[in-house]
Amino acid sequence: MNYTICSKISLLFVFIVSFQFANCQKKSSYNLVLLHSVKKMLTASTDQSFSVLKDTGSFLINNSLEEALPDELKQINSKLESLGLTGLVEKEKQNIGKAAQEVVPLIKPIINSAIKEIKPLDAAKILAGGKGAATQYLKKKTEAKLIAAIQPKVENEMNSSGISTLINTALNDQRLQNAIALLTGNNSSSNTYTSKSIGEYATRQIVNGFFKVAEDYEIKNSDLTQDRIKSLVK
C-alpha cells in the first residue's frame, strides 16, 4: 500500500516537473522569438537609414531628413532665403548631405553594437510600447554616443568646405542684419552665429534624421513583425 502511494506521488511529482519544464521551454522559446524579431526589425529599419545617409541625392530629397532640421538651422535658412541667398542654403544642405555620407562608418558600429546588446526583457518592453518603440529605445541608448562620435567630422566638413564661414559672414554683416530687421520688423535683431554652431546643427539633423527614417520604416512594417511573431509561436 505504501509502495503504491509512493509511486503515485512520484508520478505526480514527475508530471508537475515535466509540466513546469515544458512551460519554461515554451516561455524561453517565446522570449527568443521576441528578441529575434525586434533585432531583425531594427536591423532592417537602420539599414534603411544607412541607405539614405550614404546617398547624398536621397538625403537631399528625403522628407524625414528635412523634418529633422533643428529649429535653429531652420531659422538661419529662413533668414538667408529672405535675403535672396537661396543658393547658399542649397549649398549648405549639400554639404550636410556630404557630411552624412562620410560619417556612416562611424555610426554603424555604434548602432550594430546596441542592437546586439538587446536582451529578451528589453525586447518584450519594446513590443509592449507599440509602433515606433524599438527606434525610440535605440535612440535613447545611442544618441549621445552618435553625436560625440560624428560631430568633429561634421564640423570639419562644414568648416573645410567654407560653408560655415559663408553663412556666418552673411548673417553677421551689419548691412544684412539691418536688412533682416527691416524684413522681420524686429529692430533688435542682432543674432550672431559661429562656425561651431552650424556644425552642431548639422550633426543634430543627421542623427535625428537617421532615427526619423528608421522610425518611419518601423511604423510602416510593425504589423508584419507582429504577424511574424504570432506565426512563430504557434
Protein backbone atom coordinates (compact mmCIF):
# COMPACT_ATOMS: atom_id res chain seq x y z
CA MET A 1 0.00 0.00 0.00
CA ASN A 2 2.76 2.41 0.95
CA TYR A 3 4.62 1.47 -2.19
CA THR A 4 1.55 2.29 -4.31
CA ILE A 5 1.12 5.68 -2.63
CA CYS A 6 4.79 6.48 -3.09
CA SER A 7 4.58 5.51 -6.74
CA LYS A 8 1.60 7.77 -7.29
CA ILE A 9 3.30 10.64 -5.53
CA SER A 10 6.42 10.09 -7.61
CA LEU A 11 4.40 10.06 -10.81
CA LEU A 12 2.61 13.25 -9.76
CA PHE A 13 5.94 14.89 -8.98
CA VAL A 14 7.34 13.86 -12.36
CA PHE A 15 4.23 15.22 -14.07
CA ILE A 16 4.47 18.58 -12.27
CA VAL A 17 8.17 18.94 -13.01
CA SER A 18 7.64 17.97 -16.64
CA PHE A 19 4.77 20.45 -16.95
CA GLN A 20 6.83 23.26 -15.43
CA PHE A 21 9.79 22.39 -17.62
CA ALA A 22 7.60 22.45 -20.72
CA ASN A 23 6.21 25.86 -19.70
CA CYS A 24 9.72 27.19 -19.13
CA GLN A 25 10.81 25.93 -22.52
CA LYS A 26 7.77 27.49 -24.15
CA LYS A 27 8.39 30.82 -22.40
CA SER A 28 12.07 30.73 -23.29
CA SER A 29 11.22 30.00 -26.91
CA TYR A 30 8.72 32.85 -26.99
CA ASN A 31 11.26 35.27 -25.50
CA LEU A 32 13.82 34.27 -28.12
CA VAL A 33 11.25 34.87 -30.86
CA LEU A 34 10.54 38.34 -29.46
CA LEU A 35 14.24 39.12 -29.23
CA HIS A 36 14.96 37.90 -32.74
CA SER A 37 12.00 39.83 -34.16
CA VAL A 38 12.99 43.12 -32.51
CA LYS A 39 16.60 42.78 -33.63
CA LYS A 40 15.53 41.91 -37.15
CA MET A 41 13.20 44.92 -37.28
CA LEU A 42 15.88 47.32 -36.01
CA THR A 43 18.45 45.92 -38.41
CA ALA A 44 16.07 46.44 -41.33
CA SER A 45 14.98 49.92 -40.24
CA THR A 46 18.52 51.17 -39.58
CA ASP A 47 19.72 49.68 -42.87
CA GLN A 48 17.08 51.88 -44.48
CA SER A 49 18.56 54.89 -42.69
CA PHE A 50 22.08 53.98 -43.73
CA SER A 51 20.99 53.70 -47.36
CA VAL A 52 19.65 57.27 -47.21
CA LEU A 53 22.71 58.71 -45.48
CA LYS A 54 25.08 57.02 -47.94
CA ASP A 55 23.36 58.62 -50.93
CA THR A 56 23.59 62.43 -50.93
CA GLY A 57 20.85 62.62 -53.55
CA SER A 58 18.46 60.60 -51.38
CA PHE A 59 19.45 62.65 -48.34
CA LEU A 60 18.52 65.92 -50.04
CA ILE A 61 15.04 64.84 -51.12
CA ASN A 62 14.06 62.74 -48.11
CA ASN A 63 11.19 64.37 -46.20
CA SER A 64 12.19 62.74 -42.91
CA LEU A 65 15.63 64.34 -43.14
CA GLU A 66 14.08 67.72 -43.89
CA GLU A 67 11.79 67.36 -40.86
CA ALA A 68 14.84 66.59 -38.74
CA LEU A 69 16.32 70.07 -39.30
CA PRO A 70 16.89 71.72 -35.88
CA ASP A 71 14.73 74.81 -35.34
CA GLU A 72 17.85 76.97 -35.10
CA LEU A 73 19.01 75.89 -38.57
CA LYS A 74 15.50 76.40 -39.96
CA GLN A 75 15.60 79.97 -38.68
CA ILE A 76 19.05 80.54 -40.18
CA ASN A 77 17.92 79.20 -43.55
CA SER A 78 14.76 81.28 -43.44
CA LYS A 79 16.80 84.43 -42.85
CA LEU A 80 19.21 83.59 -45.64
CA GLU A 81 16.35 82.94 -48.05
CA SER A 82 14.69 86.21 -47.07
CA LEU A 83 17.92 87.94 -48.13
CA GLY A 84 17.87 86.24 -51.51
CA LEU A 85 20.58 83.74 -50.55
CA THR A 86 18.67 80.61 -51.51
CA GLY A 87 21.75 79.31 -53.32
CA LEU A 88 23.73 79.46 -50.07
CA VAL A 89 21.03 77.43 -48.31
CA GLU A 90 21.17 74.80 -51.05
CA LYS A 91 24.95 74.63 -50.77
CA GLU A 92 24.63 74.21 -47.00
CA LYS A 93 22.21 71.30 -47.46
CA GLN A 94 24.53 69.65 -49.98
CA ASN A 95 27.43 69.91 -47.55
CA ILE A 96 25.36 68.38 -44.74
CA GLY A 97 24.44 65.57 -47.11
CA LYS A 98 28.11 65.02 -47.90
CA ALA A 99 28.97 65.03 -44.19
CA ALA A 100 26.22 62.46 -43.55
CA GLN A 101 27.73 60.20 -46.18
CA GLU A 102 31.15 60.43 -44.58
CA VAL A 103 30.02 59.62 -41.03
CA VAL A 104 28.17 56.38 -41.87
CA PRO A 105 31.26 54.27 -40.95
CA LEU A 106 31.24 55.98 -37.53
CA ILE A 107 27.53 55.44 -36.93
CA LYS A 108 27.30 51.79 -38.00
CA PRO A 109 29.36 50.11 -35.24
CA ILE A 110 27.55 52.06 -32.51
CA ILE A 111 24.13 51.10 -33.86
CA ASN A 112 25.04 47.47 -34.55
CA SER A 113 26.52 47.06 -31.08
CA ALA A 114 23.41 48.48 -29.41
CA ILE A 115 21.15 46.13 -31.38
CA LYS A 116 23.34 43.16 -30.48
CA GLU A 117 23.15 44.04 -26.76
CA ILE A 118 19.33 43.99 -26.59
CA LYS A 119 18.09 41.44 -24.05
CA PRO A 120 14.82 39.41 -24.10
CA LEU A 121 13.31 41.62 -21.37
CA ASP A 122 14.16 44.72 -23.43
CA ALA A 123 12.50 43.16 -26.46
CA ALA A 124 9.32 42.43 -24.50
CA LYS A 125 9.16 46.04 -23.27
CA ILE A 126 9.78 47.35 -26.77
CA LEU A 127 6.96 45.32 -28.28
CA ALA A 128 4.65 46.38 -25.47
CA GLY A 129 5.49 50.01 -26.27
CA GLY A 130 3.71 49.97 -29.62
CA LYS A 131 4.71 51.32 -33.02
CA GLY A 132 7.98 53.20 -33.07
CA ALA A 133 9.07 51.96 -29.64
CA ALA A 134 12.03 49.99 -30.99
CA THR A 135 13.54 53.04 -32.67
CA GLN A 136 12.95 55.20 -29.59
CA TYR A 137 14.69 52.58 -27.45
CA LEU A 138 17.67 52.55 -29.81
CA LYS A 139 17.77 56.35 -29.94
CA LYS A 140 17.82 56.62 -26.16
CA LYS A 141 20.68 54.12 -25.99
CA THR A 142 22.86 55.63 -28.70
CA GLU A 143 22.02 59.28 -29.37
CA ALA A 144 24.67 60.80 -27.10
CA LYS A 145 27.32 58.38 -28.38
CA LEU A 146 26.49 59.17 -32.00
CA ILE A 147 26.69 62.92 -31.51
CA ALA A 148 30.03 62.62 -29.72
CA ALA A 149 31.38 60.32 -32.45
CA ILE A 150 30.35 62.25 -35.54
CA GLN A 151 30.27 65.92 -34.56
CA PRO A 152 34.02 66.57 -35.01
CA LYS A 153 33.92 65.14 -38.54
CA VAL A 154 30.72 67.01 -39.43
CA GLU A 155 32.13 70.29 -38.16
CA ASN A 156 35.34 69.70 -40.10
CA GLU A 157 33.36 69.09 -43.29
CA MET A 158 31.25 72.23 -42.80
CA ASN A 159 34.31 74.34 -41.99
CA SER A 160 36.71 72.99 -44.62
CA SER A 161 34.14 73.48 -47.37
CA GLY A 162 33.83 77.14 -46.33
CA ILE A 163 30.05 76.92 -45.94
CA SER A 164 30.08 77.85 -42.25
CA THR A 165 32.20 80.92 -42.94
CA LEU A 166 29.90 82.00 -45.78
CA ILE A 167 26.81 81.63 -43.60
CA ASN A 168 28.37 83.42 -40.65
CA THR A 169 29.61 86.25 -42.85
CA ALA A 170 26.17 86.67 -44.39
CA LEU A 171 24.36 86.66 -41.07
CA ASN A 172 26.83 88.78 -39.14
CA ASP A 173 27.29 91.50 -41.75
CA GLN A 174 25.71 94.65 -40.30
CA ARG A 175 24.09 95.64 -43.58
CA LEU A 176 22.43 92.26 -43.84
CA GLN A 177 21.40 92.46 -40.19
CA ASN A 178 19.73 95.77 -40.93
CA ALA A 179 18.00 94.22 -43.92
CA ILE A 180 16.80 91.35 -41.73
CA ALA A 181 15.48 93.86 -39.21
CA LEU A 182 13.54 95.66 -41.95
CA LEU A 183 12.15 92.42 -43.34
CA THR A 184 11.13 90.97 -39.98
CA GLY A 185 10.16 94.20 -38.24
CA ASN A 186 12.47 93.27 -35.39
CA ASN A 187 14.81 96.22 -34.82
CA SER A 188 16.66 94.35 -32.08
CA SER A 189 17.73 91.62 -34.46
CA SER A 190 21.43 91.09 -33.79
CA ASN A 191 21.79 87.32 -33.82
CA THR A 192 25.31 86.05 -34.36
CA TYR A 193 26.32 82.54 -35.24
CA THR A 194 29.60 80.69 -35.02
CA SER A 195 31.08 78.08 -37.30
CA LYS A 196 30.78 75.57 -34.49
CA SER A 197 27.02 76.09 -34.13
CA ILE A 198 26.44 75.32 -37.81
CA GLY A 199 28.32 72.05 -37.33
CA GLU A 200 26.32 71.26 -34.20
CA TYR A 201 23.03 71.87 -36.00
CA ALA A 202 24.16 69.72 -38.93
CA THR A 203 25.14 66.93 -36.53
CA ARG A 204 21.74 67.03 -34.86
CA GLN A 205 19.99 66.90 -38.21
CA ILE A 206 21.98 63.84 -39.27
CA VAL A 207 21.39 61.96 -36.00
CA ASN A 208 17.72 62.92 -35.66
CA GLY A 209 17.16 62.24 -39.35
CA PHE A 210 18.75 58.82 -39.03
CA PHE A 211 16.25 57.83 -36.35
CA LYS A 212 13.33 59.50 -38.11
CA VAL A 213 13.90 57.40 -41.25
CA ALA A 214 14.25 54.27 -39.12
CA GLU A 215 11.10 55.04 -37.14
CA ASP A 216 9.06 55.66 -40.30
CA TYR A 217 10.19 52.29 -41.62
CA GLU A 218 9.41 50.56 -38.33
CA ILE A 219 5.92 52.02 -38.10
CA LYS A 220 5.11 51.00 -41.67
CA ASN A 221 6.29 47.43 -41.04
CA SER A 222 5.31 46.87 -37.40
CA ASP A 223 2.21 44.87 -38.32
CA LEU A 224 4.38 42.47 -40.31
CA THR A 225 6.59 41.98 -37.27
CA GLN A 226 3.59 41.20 -35.06
CA ASP A 227 2.25 38.71 -37.63
CA ARG A 228 5.68 37.05 -37.83
CA ILE A 229 5.81 36.62 -34.04
CA LYS A 230 2.34 35.08 -33.98
CA SER A 231 3.25 32.62 -36.71
CA LEU A 232 6.47 31.55 -35.00
CA VAL A 233 4.95 30.93 -31.56
CA LYS A 234 2.00 28.85 -32.80
